[in-house]
Amino acid sequence: MEVHITKDQQRTFADDGIVKLPGLISAALLDEIRACFEWSIAHPGPIASGKTEGENISFVDNGNPDAKPMYDDLILRSGFGGIPAQLWDSEYVGYFAEEIFWKKGKANPTLWHQDTAYQPWSGEHWCNMWIPLAPMSADQSIQVIRASHKGIQYDGTTFNPKNPTQSLWGENGDFPRLPDISAESAADSDLWDIVGFDLVPGDVVIFHPHCLHRGGGTDSTLPERRNIVFRFFGDKSYYSDHLPKIKGMYDLKPIPSAAGGYLADGDPYRPADSIKAN
């Protein structure tokens, strides 16, 4: 893959926390990604959620250990690591893991959240590489609050559609509760600066995981929604000790470090099992 990130794209990502890279992926590479996606659907990992059969589907899988060799190989052969390397001017780019989203029939949007409410991450050099496998509008794809990667760390959500801001950590953490962005923006469209893009297969959206973001649902206007996310980290990525150490929905285990021992607060984020992607 030949990649040329412009200065404007670098500035947009740094300022807004999100940038669209149109037509980046070739048809042949898209076919490989689709084949990996199909494998992931057929072989759910240990933390997969949702069903893969029926009329209405909302399936998510994340970091399937059985899929790691397949995705590591894809990342190394594709040259994807060169994208964040240029976007950040980073000498080192590590690959974290994949995430699979498959929605079909009538499926709710993914609720607003920040990935950093669930993972021990800090620093400038993090990105979610969001790849659509079907055409979709800005409302149906990925949306973020512009520049929220520079802002407050909110509590996580439990992803309860009946209570979209239900606190994940609550009194065990020291985070303000998520605002109800969907309700507030419906009442006043100027209240939140929401960024999204119309997308077709071949396009890539890069956004910082600390951004407040949400994913679209499916209905008669988009009966099936498929996308895959690859996560990367760079020179200025760090392990952060900001999350509570309690058992529950997200039981965070110590992460072995490539340097030996375990990652500690402020350490460069270099897990022992991650590959260098550039």
C-alpha atoms as a PDB file:
ATOM      1  CA  MET A   1       0.000   0.000   0.000  1.00  0.00           C
ATOM      2  CA  GLU A   2       1.359   3.403  -1.011  1.00  0.00           C
ATOM      3  CA  VAL A   3       0.475   5.994   1.606  1.00  0.00           C
ATOM      4  CA  HIS A   4       0.935   9.739   1.474  1.00  0.00           C
ATOM      5  CA  ILE A   5      -0.575  11.648   4.386  1.00  0.00           C
ATOM      6  CA  THR A   6      -0.749  15.389   3.748  1.00  0.00           C
ATOM      7  CA  LYS A   7       0.038  18.144   6.226  1.00  0.00           C
ATOM      8  CA  ASP A   8      -3.636  19.130   6.162  1.00  0.00           C
ATOM      9  CA  GLN A   9      -4.643  15.591   7.132  1.00  0.00           C
ATOM     10  CA  GLN A  10      -2.082  15.606   9.952  1.00  0.00           C
ATOM     11  CA  ARG A  11      -3.456  18.922  11.235  1.00  0.00           C
ATOM     12  CA  THR A  12      -7.064  17.747  10.937  1.00  0.00           C
ATOM     13  CA  PHE A  13      -6.389  14.636  12.995  1.00  0.00           C
ATOM     14  CA  ALA A  14      -4.395  16.604  15.609  1.00  0.00           C
ATOM     15  CA  ASP A  15      -7.063  19.307  15.908  1.00  0.00           C
ATOM     16  CA  ASP A  16     -10.319  17.394  15.428  1.00  0.00           C
ATOM     17  CA  GLY A  17      -9.345  13.890  16.528  1.00  0.00           C
ATOM     18  CA  ILE A  18     -10.754  12.444  13.295  1.00  0.00           C
ATOM     19  CA  VAL A  19      -9.873  12.448   9.606  1.00  0.00           C
ATOM     20  CA  LYS A  20     -11.252  10.753   6.495  1.00  0.00           C
ATOM     21  CA  LEU A  21      -8.807   9.153   4.029  1.00  0.00           C
ATOM     22  CA  PRO A  22     -10.872   8.488   0.891  1.00  0.00           C
ATOM     23  CA  GLY A  23     -10.177   5.628  -1.510  1.00  0.00           C
ATOM     24  CA  LEU A  24      -7.169   4.369   0.397  1.00  0.00           C
ATOM     25  CA  ILE A  25      -7.799   0.604   0.199  1.00  0.00           C
ATOM     26  CA  SER A  26      -7.530  -1.307  -3.053  1.00  0.00           C
ATOM     27  CA  ALA A  27     -10.197  -3.749  -4.250  1.00  0.00           C
ATOM     28  CA  ALA A  28      -7.815  -6.669  -3.717  1.00  0.00           C
ATOM     29  CA  LEU A  29      -7.038  -5.662  -0.123  1.00  0.00           C
ATOM     30  CA  LEU A  30     -10.749  -5.111   0.536  1.00  0.00           C
ATOM     31  CA  ASP A  31     -11.369  -8.696  -0.559  1.00  0.00           C
ATOM     32  CA  GLU A  32      -8.772  -9.890   1.975  1.00  0.00           C
ATOM     33  CA  ILE A  33     -10.346  -7.817   4.734  1.00  0.00           C
ATOM     34  CA  ARG A  34     -13.804  -9.175   3.897  1.00  0.00           C
ATOM     35  CA  ALA A  35     -12.466 -12.737   4.063  1.00  0.00           C
ATOM     36  CA  CYS A  36     -11.004 -12.031   7.522  1.00  0.00           C
ATOM     37  CA  PHE A  37     -14.303 -10.463   8.574  1.00  0.00           C
ATOM     38  CA  GLU A  38     -16.225 -13.569   7.477  1.00  0.00           C
ATOM     39  CA  TRP A  39     -13.784 -15.782   9.400  1.00  0.00           C
ATOM     40  CA  SER A  40     -14.337 -13.685  12.531  1.00  0.00           C
ATOM     41  CA  ILE A  41     -18.112 -13.970  12.188  1.00  0.00           C
ATOM     42  CA  ALA A  42     -17.812 -17.757  11.888  1.00  0.00           C
ATOM     43  CA  HIS A  43     -15.354 -18.059  14.809  1.00  0.00           C
ATOM     44  CA  PRO A  44     -16.426 -15.713  17.648  1.00  0.00           C
ATOM     45  CA  GLY A  45     -13.853 -15.008  20.342  1.00  0.00           C
ATOM     46  CA  PRO A  46     -14.216 -15.290  24.138  1.00  0.00           C
ATOM     47  CA  ILE A  47     -15.571 -11.761  24.621  1.00  0.00           C
ATOM     48  CA  ALA A  48     -17.824 -11.599  21.546  1.00  0.00           C
ATOM     49  CA  SER A  49     -21.309 -10.231  22.177  1.00  0.00           C
ATOM     50  CA  GLY A  50     -24.531 -10.633  20.243  1.00  0.00           C
ATOM     51  CA  LYS A  51     -25.791 -13.344  17.938  1.00  0.00           C
ATOM     52  CA  THR A  52     -24.820 -14.166  14.360  1.00  0.00           C
ATOM     53  CA  GLU A  53     -28.089 -15.749  13.307  1.00  0.00           C
ATOM     54  CA  GLY A  54     -31.633 -14.462  12.876  1.00  0.00           C
ATOM     55  CA  GLU A  55     -33.406 -11.545  11.266  1.00  0.00           C
ATOM     56  CA  ASN A  56     -31.998  -8.840  13.568  1.00  0.00           C
ATOM     57  CA  ILE A  57     -28.284  -9.016  14.362  1.00  0.00           C
ATOM     58  CA  SER A  58     -25.996  -6.846  16.453  1.00  0.00           C
ATOM     59  CA  PHE A  59     -22.652  -8.602  16.812  1.00  0.00           C
ATOM     60  CA  VAL A  60     -19.347  -7.289  18.167  1.00  0.00           C
ATOM     61  CA  ASP A  61     -16.063  -9.124  18.620  1.00  0.00           C
ATOM     62  CA  ASN A  62     -12.835  -7.665  19.920  1.00  0.00           C
ATOM     63  CA  GLY A  63      -9.281  -8.982  20.083  1.00  0.00           C
ATOM     64  CA  ASN A  64     -10.084 -12.635  19.406  1.00  0.00           C
ATOM     65  CA  PRO A  65      -6.876 -14.521  20.357  1.00  0.00           C
ATOM     66  CA  ASP A  66      -7.581 -17.219  17.751  1.00  0.00           C
ATOM     67  CA  ALA A  67      -7.711 -14.499  15.091  1.00  0.00           C
ATOM     68  CA  LYS A  68      -4.444 -12.834  16.119  1.00  0.00           C
ATOM     69  CA  PRO A  69      -2.131 -14.670  13.677  1.00  0.00           C
ATOM     70  CA  MET A  70      -4.492 -13.913  10.786  1.00  0.00           C
ATOM     71  CA  TYR A  71      -4.815 -10.215  11.564  1.00  0.00           C
ATOM     72  CA  ASP A  72      -1.133  -9.769  12.471  1.00  0.00           C
ATOM     73  CA  ASP A  73      -0.256 -11.175   9.057  1.00  0.00           C
ATOM     74  CA  LEU A  74      -2.778  -8.907   7.310  1.00  0.00           C
ATOM     75  CA  ILE A  75      -1.442  -5.822   9.085  1.00  0.00           C
ATOM     76  CA  LEU A  76       2.176  -6.619   8.223  1.00  0.00           C
ATOM     77  CA  ARG A  77       1.452  -7.387   4.560  1.00  0.00           C
ATOM     78  CA  SER A  78      -0.966  -4.503   3.971  1.00  0.00           C
ATOM     79  CA  GLY A  79       1.250  -1.646   5.073  1.00  0.00           C
ATOM     80  CA  PHE A  80      -1.529  -0.243   7.269  1.00  0.00           C
ATOM     81  CA  GLY A  81       1.042   0.716   9.912  1.00  0.00           C
ATOM     82  CA  GLY A  82       2.452   3.338   7.569  1.00  0.00           C
ATOM     83  CA  ILE A  83      -0.729   5.396   7.871  1.00  0.00           C
ATOM     84  CA  PRO A  84      -0.467   6.285  11.595  1.00  0.00           C
ATOM     85  CA  ALA A  85       3.327   6.518  11.239  1.00  0.00           C
ATOM     86  CA  GLN A  86       2.857   9.420   8.816  1.00  0.00           C
ATOM     87  CA  LEU A  87      -0.177  10.830  10.574  1.00  0.00           C
ATOM     88  CA  TRP A  88       1.767  11.183  13.843  1.00  0.00           C
ATOM     89  CA  ASP A  89       5.346  11.462  12.513  1.00  0.00           C
ATOM     90  CA  SER A  90       6.001   8.434  14.730  1.00  0.00           C
ATOM     91  CA  GLU A  91       9.051   6.207  14.368  1.00  0.00           C
ATOM     92  CA  TYR A  92       7.290   3.323  16.129  1.00  0.00           C
ATOM     93  CA  VAL A  93       3.807   2.019  15.349  1.00  0.00           C
ATOM     94  CA  GLY A  94       2.418  -0.964  17.219  1.00  0.00           C
ATOM     95  CA  TYR A  95      -0.703  -2.902  16.323  1.00  0.00           C
ATOM     96  CA  PHE A  96      -3.171  -3.565  19.155  1.00  0.00           C
ATOM     97  CA  ALA A  97      -6.075  -5.683  17.841  1.00  0.00           C
ATOM     98  CA  GLU A  98      -9.140  -5.876  15.621  1.00  0.00           C
ATOM     99  CA  GLU A  99     -12.770  -5.157  16.393  1.00  0.00           C
ATOM    100  CA  ILE A 100     -15.664  -6.508  14.317  1.00  0.00           C
ATOM    101  CA  PHE A 101     -19.086  -4.865  13.987  1.00  0.00           C
ATOM    102  CA  TRP A 102     -21.948  -6.588  12.176  1.00  0.00           C
ATOM    103  CA  LYS A 103     -25.486  -5.225  12.302  1.00  0.00           C
ATOM    104  CA  LYS A 104     -28.423  -6.446  10.267  1.00  0.00           C
ATOM    105  CA  GLY A 105     -32.179  -5.902  10.150  1.00  0.00           C
ATOM    106  CA  LYS A 106     -33.193  -3.607  12.972  1.00  0.00           C
ATOM    107  CA  ALA A 107     -30.213  -2.851  15.232  1.00  0.00           C
ATOM    108  CA  ASN A 108     -29.668   0.100  17.553  1.00  0.00           C
ATOM    109  CA  PRO A 109     -26.804   2.552  17.161  1.00  0.00           C
ATOM    110  CA  THR A 110     -23.780   1.966  19.378  1.00  0.00           C
ATOM    111  CA  LEU A 111     -24.067   4.391  22.291  1.00  0.00           C
ATOM    112  CA  TRP A 112     -21.766   7.378  22.765  1.00  0.00           C
ATOM    113  CA  HIS A 113     -18.600   6.516  24.705  1.00  0.00           C
ATOM    114  CA  GLN A 114     -14.806   6.862  24.895  1.00  0.00           C
ATOM    115  CA  ASP A 115     -12.616   3.777  24.546  1.00  0.00           C
ATOM    116  CA  THR A 116     -10.347   5.170  27.267  1.00  0.00           C
ATOM    117  CA  ALA A 117     -13.109   4.509  29.807  1.00  0.00           C
ATOM    118  CA  TYR A 118     -12.454   0.794  29.215  1.00  0.00           C
ATOM    119  CA  GLN A 119      -8.738   0.598  28.415  1.00  0.00           C
ATOM    120  CA  PRO A 120      -5.606   1.857  30.273  1.00  0.00           C
ATOM    121  CA  TRP A 121      -4.467   4.187  27.487  1.00  0.00           C
ATOM    122  CA  SER A 122      -3.152   7.749  27.384  1.00  0.00           C
ATOM    123  CA  GLY A 123      -1.153   9.927  25.012  1.00  0.00           C
ATOM    124  CA  GLU A 124      -1.446  11.474  21.571  1.00  0.00           C
ATOM    125  CA  HIS A 125      -0.464   8.463  19.488  1.00  0.00           C
ATOM    126  CA  TRP A 126      -3.498   6.244  19.491  1.00  0.00           C
ATOM    127  CA  CYS A 127      -5.905   5.616  16.652  1.00  0.00           C
ATOM    128  CA  ASN A 128      -8.862   3.542  15.606  1.00  0.00           C
ATOM    129  CA  MET A 129      -8.688   2.760  11.881  1.00  0.00           C
ATOM    130  CA  TRP A 130     -12.357   2.444  10.969  1.00  0.00           C
ATOM    131  CA  ILE A 131     -13.004   0.589   7.703  1.00  0.00           C
ATOM    132  CA  PRO A 132     -16.501   0.346   6.144  1.00  0.00           C
ATOM    133  CA  LEU A 133     -17.354  -2.799   4.191  1.00  0.00           C
ATOM    134  CA  ALA A 134     -20.583  -1.311   2.807  1.00  0.00           C
ATOM    135  CA  PRO A 135     -21.609   2.181   1.657  1.00  0.00           C
ATOM    136  CA  MET A 136     -23.117   4.249   4.454  1.00  0.00           C
ATOM    137  CA  SER A 137     -24.069   7.823   5.262  1.00  0.00           C
ATOM    138  CA  ALA A 138     -22.518  10.045   7.920  1.00  0.00           C
ATOM    139  CA  ASP A 139     -25.362   9.180  10.307  1.00  0.00           C
ATOM    140  CA  GLN A 140     -24.893   5.461   9.712  1.00  0.00           C
ATOM    141  CA  SER A 141     -21.099   5.248   9.945  1.00  0.00           C
ATOM    142  CA  ILE A 142     -18.924   6.590  12.778  1.00  0.00           C
ATOM    143  CA  GLN A 143     -19.478   9.959  14.459  1.00  0.00           C
ATOM    144  CA  VAL A 144     -17.292  11.790  16.944  1.00  0.00           C
ATOM    145  CA  ILE A 145     -17.466  14.994  18.938  1.00  0.00           C
ATOM    146  CA  ARG A 146     -14.886  17.234  17.338  1.00  0.00           C
ATOM    147  CA  ALA A 147     -11.740  17.757  19.478  1.00  0.00           C
ATOM    148  CA  SER A 148     -13.095  15.675  22.370  1.00  0.00           C
ATOM    149  CA  HIS A 149      -9.820  13.692  22.336  1.00  0.00           C
ATOM    150  CA  LYS A 150      -8.337  16.723  24.131  1.00  0.00           C
ATOM    151  CA  GLY A 151     -11.067  16.903  26.749  1.00  0.00           C
ATOM    152  CA  ILE A 152     -12.680  15.312  29.779  1.00  0.00           C
ATOM    153  CA  GLN A 153     -12.453  11.640  30.632  1.00  0.00           C
ATOM    154  CA  TYR A 154     -16.079  10.671  31.256  1.00  0.00           C
ATOM    155  CA  ASP A 155     -17.312   7.535  32.930  1.00  0.00           C
ATOM    156  CA  GLY A 156     -18.027   4.653  30.610  1.00  0.00           C
ATOM    157  CA  THR A 157     -21.472   3.453  29.686  1.00  0.00           C
ATOM    158  CA  THR A 158     -22.812  -0.036  30.332  1.00  0.00           C
ATOM    159  CA  PHE A 159     -24.338   0.110  26.812  1.00  0.00           C
ATOM    160  CA  ASN A 160     -27.849  -0.220  28.188  1.00  0.00           C
ATOM    161  CA  PRO A 161     -30.152   1.206  25.463  1.00  0.00           C
ATOM    162  CA  LYS A 162     -32.803   1.994  28.069  1.00  0.00           C
ATOM    163  CA  ASN A 163     -30.294   4.062  30.062  1.00  0.00           C
ATOM    164  CA  PRO A 164     -27.617   5.268  27.590  1.00  0.00           C
ATOM    165  CA  THR A 165     -25.502   7.105  30.173  1.00  0.00           C
ATOM    166  CA  GLN A 166     -25.686   4.469  32.920  1.00  0.00           C
ATOM    167  CA  SER A 167     -22.293   4.668  34.621  1.00  0.00           C
ATOM    168  CA  LEU A 168     -19.827   1.835  34.185  1.00  0.00           C
ATOM    169  CA  TRP A 169     -17.574   2.673  37.146  1.00  0.00           C
ATOM    170  CA  GLY A 170     -19.891   4.888  39.208  1.00  0.00           C
ATOM    171  CA  GLU A 171     -18.702   5.516  42.748  1.00  0.00           C
ATOM    172  CA  ASN A 172     -15.700   3.235  42.186  1.00  0.00           C
ATOM    173  CA  GLY A 173     -14.220   5.827  39.834  1.00  0.00           C
ATOM    174  CA  ASP A 174     -13.716   9.569  39.777  1.00  0.00           C
ATOM    175  CA  PHE A 175     -15.289  10.371  36.421  1.00  0.00           C
ATOM    176  CA  PRO A 176     -18.194  12.650  35.523  1.00  0.00           C
ATOM    177  CA  ARG A 177     -21.199  10.859  34.100  1.00  0.00           C
ATOM    178  CA  LEU A 178     -21.534  10.826  30.331  1.00  0.00           C
ATOM    179  CA  PRO A 179     -23.838  13.504  28.933  1.00  0.00           C
ATOM    180  CA  ASP A 180     -26.806  12.252  26.917  1.00  0.00           C
ATOM    181  CA  ILE A 181     -25.406  13.522  23.634  1.00  0.00           C
ATOM    182  CA  SER A 182     -28.138  11.981  21.467  1.00  0.00           C
ATOM    183  CA  ALA A 183     -30.955  13.574  23.456  1.00  0.00           C
ATOM    184  CA  GLU A 184     -29.171  16.903  23.834  1.00  0.00           C
ATOM    185  CA  SER A 185     -28.255  17.173  20.154  1.00  0.00           C
ATOM    186  CA  ALA A 186     -31.806  16.233  19.135  1.00  0.00           C
ATOM    187  CA  ALA A 187     -33.061  19.159  21.234  1.00  0.00           C
ATOM    188  CA  ASP A 188     -30.362  21.568  20.040  1.00  0.00           C
ATOM    189  CA  SER A 189     -28.286  20.602  16.998  1.00  0.00           C
ATOM    190  CA  ASP A 190     -25.697  23.289  17.788  1.00  0.00           C
ATOM    191  CA  LEU A 191     -24.942  22.004  21.277  1.00  0.00           C
ATOM    192  CA  TRP A 192     -22.470  19.301  20.201  1.00  0.00           C
ATOM    193  CA  ASP A 193     -20.082  19.574  17.248  1.00  0.00           C
ATOM    194  CA  ILE A 194     -20.650  16.163  15.682  1.00  0.00           C
ATOM    195  CA  VAL A 195     -18.391  15.031  12.828  1.00  0.00           C
ATOM    196  CA  GLY A 196     -19.194  12.179  10.464  1.00  0.00           C
ATOM    197  CA  PHE A 197     -18.642  11.238   6.836  1.00  0.00           C
ATOM    198  CA  ASP A 198     -20.463   9.553   3.988  1.00  0.00           C
ATOM    199  CA  LEU A 199     -18.346   6.481   3.239  1.00  0.00           C
ATOM    200  CA  VAL A 200     -17.882   3.775   0.628  1.00  0.00           C
ATOM    201  CA  PRO A 201     -15.696   0.649   0.765  1.00  0.00           C
ATOM    202  CA  GLY A 202     -12.103   1.701   0.187  1.00  0.00           C
ATOM    203  CA  ASP A 203     -12.409   4.748   2.454  1.00  0.00           C
ATOM    204  CA  VAL A 204     -10.786   4.815   5.887  1.00  0.00           C
ATOM    205  CA  VAL A 205     -11.651   6.952   8.906  1.00  0.00           C
ATOM    206  CA  ILE A 206      -8.990   7.466  11.565  1.00  0.00           C
ATOM    207  CA  PHE A 207      -9.993   8.756  14.981  1.00  0.00           C
ATOM    208  CA  HIS A 208      -8.462   8.981  18.446  1.00  0.00           C
ATOM    209  CA  PRO A 209     -10.062   6.496  20.887  1.00  0.00           C
ATOM    210  CA  HIS A 210     -10.391   9.187  23.585  1.00  0.00           C
ATOM    211  CA  CYS A 211     -12.892  10.966  21.319  1.00  0.00           C
ATOM    212  CA  LEU A 212     -16.515  10.698  22.303  1.00  0.00           C
ATOM    213  CA  HIS A 213     -17.911   8.567  19.505  1.00  0.00           C
ATOM    214  CA  ARG A 214     -20.851   6.444  18.428  1.00  0.00           C
ATOM    215  CA  GLY A 215     -21.674   4.070  15.610  1.00  0.00           C
ATOM    216  CA  GLY A 216     -24.843   3.962  13.544  1.00  0.00           C
ATOM    217  CA  GLY A 217     -27.543   1.316  13.520  1.00  0.00           C
ATOM    218  CA  THR A 218     -29.463  -0.456  10.778  1.00  0.00           C
ATOM    219  CA  ASP A 219     -32.983  -0.023   9.417  1.00  0.00           C
ATOM    220  CA  SER A 220     -34.727   0.026   6.044  1.00  0.00           C
ATOM    221  CA  THR A 221     -32.270   2.639   4.716  1.00  0.00           C
ATOM    222  CA  LEU A 222     -29.253   0.469   5.621  1.00  0.00           C
ATOM    223  CA  PRO A 223     -30.399  -3.134   6.132  1.00  0.00           C
ATOM    224  CA  GLU A 224     -26.886  -4.430   6.805  1.00  0.00           C
ATOM    225  CA  ARG A 225     -23.857  -2.664   8.277  1.00  0.00           C
ATOM    226  CA  ARG A 226     -20.392  -4.252   8.326  1.00  0.00           C
ATOM    227  CA  ASN A 227     -17.176  -2.640   9.432  1.00  0.00           C
ATOM    228  CA  ILE A 228     -13.863  -3.558  10.962  1.00  0.00           C
ATOM    229  CA  VAL A 229     -11.560  -1.517  13.182  1.00  0.00           C
ATOM    230  CA  PHE A 230      -7.794  -1.869  13.580  1.00  0.00           C
ATOM    231  CA  ARG A 231      -6.146  -0.100  16.534  1.00  0.00           C
ATOM    232  CA  PHE A 232      -2.612   1.277  16.570  1.00  0.00           C
ATOM    233  CA  PHE A 233      -0.300   3.094  18.995  1.00  0.00           C
ATOM    234  CA  GLY A 234       2.914   5.060  18.525  1.00  0.00           C
ATOM    235  CA  ASP A 235       5.858   6.876  20.097  1.00  0.00           C
ATOM    236  CA  LYS A 236       3.630   8.995  22.365  1.00  0.00           C
ATOM    237  CA  SER A 237       1.384   6.237  23.671  1.00  0.00           C
ATOM    238  CA  TYR A 238       1.418   5.312  27.341  1.00  0.00           C
ATOM    239  CA  TYR A 239      -0.033   2.899  29.843  1.00  0.00           C
ATOM    240  CA  SER A 240      -2.353   4.776  32.199  1.00  0.00           C
ATOM    241  CA  ASP A 241      -3.465   3.807  35.695  1.00  0.00           C
ATOM    242  CA  HIS A 242      -6.635   5.930  35.590  1.00  0.00           C
ATOM    243  CA  LEU A 243      -9.160   3.071  35.713  1.00  0.00           C
ATOM    244  CA  PRO A 244     -10.470   1.502  38.942  1.00  0.00           C
ATOM    245  CA  LYS A 245      -9.067  -1.853  39.969  1.00  0.00           C
ATOM    246  CA  ILE A 246     -12.272  -3.762  40.634  1.00  0.00           C
ATOM    247  CA  LYS A 247     -13.827  -6.871  39.208  1.00  0.00           C
ATOM    248  CA  GLY A 248     -16.804  -6.328  37.009  1.00  0.00           C
ATOM    249  CA  MET A 249     -17.790  -5.702  33.433  1.00  0.00           C
ATOM    250  CA  TYR A 250     -14.187  -4.846  32.485  1.00  0.00           C
ATOM    251  CA  ASP A 251     -11.736  -6.794  34.631  1.00  0.00           C
ATOM    252  CA  LEU A 252      -8.360  -5.290  33.734  1.00  0.00           C
ATOM    253  CA  LYS A 253      -5.486  -7.714  34.078  1.00  0.00           C
ATOM    254  CA  PRO A 254      -1.788  -6.731  34.319  1.00  0.00           C
ATOM    255  CA  ILE A 255      -0.226  -6.375  30.859  1.00  0.00           C
ATOM    256  CA  PRO A 256       3.178  -8.026  30.305  1.00  0.00           C
ATOM    257  CA  SER A 257       5.697  -5.520  28.959  1.00  0.00           C
ATOM    258  CA  ALA A 258       8.038  -6.082  26.024  1.00  0.00           C
ATOM    259  CA  ALA A 259      10.778  -4.769  28.337  1.00  0.00           C
ATOM    260  CA  GLY A 260       9.997  -7.400  30.988  1.00  0.00           C
ATOM    261  CA  GLY A 261       7.672  -7.316  33.983  1.00  0.00           C
ATOM    262  CA  TYR A 262       4.362  -5.525  33.603  1.00  0.00           C
ATOM    263  CA  LEU A 263       3.340  -2.140  32.264  1.00  0.00           C
ATOM    264  CA  ALA A 264       3.048   0.559  34.951  1.00  0.00           C
ATOM    265  CA  ASP A 265       1.531   4.045  34.957  1.00  0.00           C
ATOM    266  CA  GLY A 266       3.366   6.322  32.527  1.00  0.00           C
ATOM    267  CA  ASP A 267       5.301   3.530  30.770  1.00  0.00           C
ATOM    268  CA  PRO A 268       5.478   3.648  26.978  1.00  0.00           C
ATOM    269  CA  TYR A 269       2.740   1.314  25.784  1.00  0.00           C
ATOM    270  CA  ARG A 270       4.685  -1.684  24.524  1.00  0.00           C
ATOM    271  CA  PRO A 271       2.869  -4.942  25.370  1.00  0.00           C
ATOM    272  CA  ALA A 272       4.913  -8.097  24.982  1.00  0.00           C
ATOM    273  CA  ASP A 273       2.449  -9.685  22.541  1.00  0.00           C
ATOM    274  CA  SER A 274       1.982  -6.716  20.183  1.00  0.00           C
ATOM    275  CA  ILE A 275       3.696  -6.509  16.803  1.00  0.00           C
ATOM    276  CA  LYS A 276       5.554  -3.567  15.289  1.00  0.00           C
ATOM    277  CA  ALA A 277       3.418  -2.572  12.319  1.00  0.00           C
ATOM    278  CA  ASN A 278       5.742  -0.248  10.400  1.00  0.00           C
END
